[in-house]
Amino acid sequence: MVDTELRGHELKVYKPQVHLDIRKYFFSVRIVDAWNSLPAAVLRCKTVENFKRKLDCLFKDRGYE
């Protein structure tokens, strides 16, 4: 299998369709787009500390400090 990264990473989360306004503001629904937009290199970390380090570097590169 060739890893071309055309569709992002293999750890994408399904975003449910919501019909009530109260449900669309739940954390579990709001965070899906942010998770799915992360690069695969960040998500493939072996340890939590390594994940946090790469996530911090990503946020610094995007201007969040």
C-alpha atoms as a PDB file:
ATOM      1  CA  MET A   1       0.000   0.000   0.000  1.00  0.00           C
ATOM      2  CA  VAL A   2       1.326   3.396  -0.990  1.00  0.00           C
ATOM      3  CA  ASP A   3       0.853   6.173   1.557  1.00  0.00           C
ATOM      4  CA  THR A   4       0.115   9.257  -0.549  1.00  0.00           C
ATOM      5  CA  GLU A   5      -1.570  11.395   2.135  1.00  0.00           C
ATOM      6  CA  LEU A   6      -4.202  12.518  -0.391  1.00  0.00           C
ATOM      7  CA  ARG A   7      -7.119  12.226   2.011  1.00  0.00           C
ATOM      8  CA  GLY A   8      -5.348  13.037   5.246  1.00  0.00           C
ATOM      9  CA  HIS A   9      -4.735  10.421   7.913  1.00  0.00           C
ATOM     10  CA  GLU A  10      -6.366   7.077   8.670  1.00  0.00           C
ATOM     11  CA  LEU A  11      -7.504   8.204  12.137  1.00  0.00           C
ATOM     12  CA  LYS A  12     -10.312  10.480  10.966  1.00  0.00           C
ATOM     13  CA  VAL A  13     -13.391  10.718  13.178  1.00  0.00           C
ATOM     14  CA  TYR A  14     -16.932  10.714  11.790  1.00  0.00           C
ATOM     15  CA  LYS A  15     -18.859  13.910  12.483  1.00  0.00           C
ATOM     16  CA  PRO A  16     -22.500  13.104  13.248  1.00  0.00           C
ATOM     17  CA  GLN A  17     -25.293  15.159  11.770  1.00  0.00           C
ATOM     18  CA  VAL A  18     -27.046  17.047  14.556  1.00  0.00           C
ATOM     19  CA  HIS A  19     -30.615  18.276  14.525  1.00  0.00           C
ATOM     20  CA  LEU A  20     -30.716  20.241  17.770  1.00  0.00           C
ATOM     21  CA  ASP A  21     -28.756  23.418  18.476  1.00  0.00           C
ATOM     22  CA  ILE A  22     -27.847  22.196  21.937  1.00  0.00           C
ATOM     23  CA  ARG A  23     -26.165  19.073  20.524  1.00  0.00           C
ATOM     24  CA  LYS A  24     -23.984  20.929  18.007  1.00  0.00           C
ATOM     25  CA  TYR A  25     -22.244  22.777  20.830  1.00  0.00           C
ATOM     26  CA  PHE A  26     -21.131  19.587  22.626  1.00  0.00           C
ATOM     27  CA  PHE A  27     -17.366  19.221  22.880  1.00  0.00           C
ATOM     28  CA  SER A  28     -17.441  15.836  21.141  1.00  0.00           C
ATOM     29  CA  VAL A  29     -19.042  17.399  18.050  1.00  0.00           C
ATOM     30  CA  ARG A  30     -17.040  20.646  18.001  1.00  0.00           C
ATOM     31  CA  ILE A  31     -13.627  18.970  18.203  1.00  0.00           C
ATOM     32  CA  VAL A  32     -14.041  16.615  15.220  1.00  0.00           C
ATOM     33  CA  ASP A  33     -12.972  19.171  12.589  1.00  0.00           C
ATOM     34  CA  ALA A  34      -9.890  20.136  14.586  1.00  0.00           C
ATOM     35  CA  TRP A  35      -8.872  16.468  15.040  1.00  0.00           C
ATOM     36  CA  ASN A  36      -9.410  15.622  11.381  1.00  0.00           C
ATOM     37  CA  SER A  37      -7.291  18.602  10.282  1.00  0.00           C
ATOM     38  CA  LEU A  38      -4.211  17.471  12.237  1.00  0.00           C
ATOM     39  CA  PRO A  39      -1.327  16.116  10.156  1.00  0.00           C
ATOM     40  CA  ALA A  40      -0.677  12.384  10.244  1.00  0.00           C
ATOM     41  CA  ALA A  41       2.827  12.946  11.625  1.00  0.00           C
ATOM     42  CA  VAL A  42       1.351  14.387  14.810  1.00  0.00           C
ATOM     43  CA  LEU A  43      -1.161  11.567  15.231  1.00  0.00           C
ATOM     44  CA  ARG A  44       1.305   8.727  14.694  1.00  0.00           C
ATOM     45  CA  CYS A  45       3.317   9.489  17.827  1.00  0.00           C
ATOM     46  CA  LYS A  46       4.197   6.587  20.092  1.00  0.00           C
ATOM     47  CA  THR A  47       3.884   8.438  23.418  1.00  0.00           C
ATOM     48  CA  VAL A  48       1.653  11.139  24.842  1.00  0.00           C
ATOM     49  CA  GLU A  49       4.644  13.361  25.557  1.00  0.00           C
ATOM     50  CA  ASN A  50       5.795  13.126  21.949  1.00  0.00           C
ATOM     51  CA  PHE A  51       2.243  13.906  20.765  1.00  0.00           C
ATOM     52  CA  LYS A  52       2.115  16.990  23.008  1.00  0.00           C
ATOM     53  CA  ARG A  53       5.519  18.167  21.802  1.00  0.00           C
ATOM     54  CA  LYS A  54       4.568  17.853  18.133  1.00  0.00           C
ATOM     55  CA  LEU A  55       1.200  19.484  18.748  1.00  0.00           C
ATOM     56  CA  ASP A  56       2.898  22.436  20.485  1.00  0.00           C
ATOM     57  CA  CYS A  57       5.284  22.819  17.545  1.00  0.00           C
ATOM     58  CA  LEU A  58       2.360  22.728  15.116  1.00  0.00           C
ATOM     59  CA  PHE A  59       0.497  25.424  17.061  1.00  0.00           C
ATOM     60  CA  LYS A  60       3.595  27.619  17.227  1.00  0.00           C
ATOM     61  CA  ASP A  61       4.036  27.278  13.453  1.00  0.00           C
ATOM     62  CA  ARG A  62       0.397  28.311  12.939  1.00  0.00           C
ATOM     63  CA  GLY A  63       0.807  31.356  15.163  1.00  0.00           C
ATOM     64  CA  TYR A  64      -0.874  30.122  18.369  1.00  0.00           C
ATOM     65  CA  GLU A  65       1.456  30.821  21.252  1.00  0.00           C
END
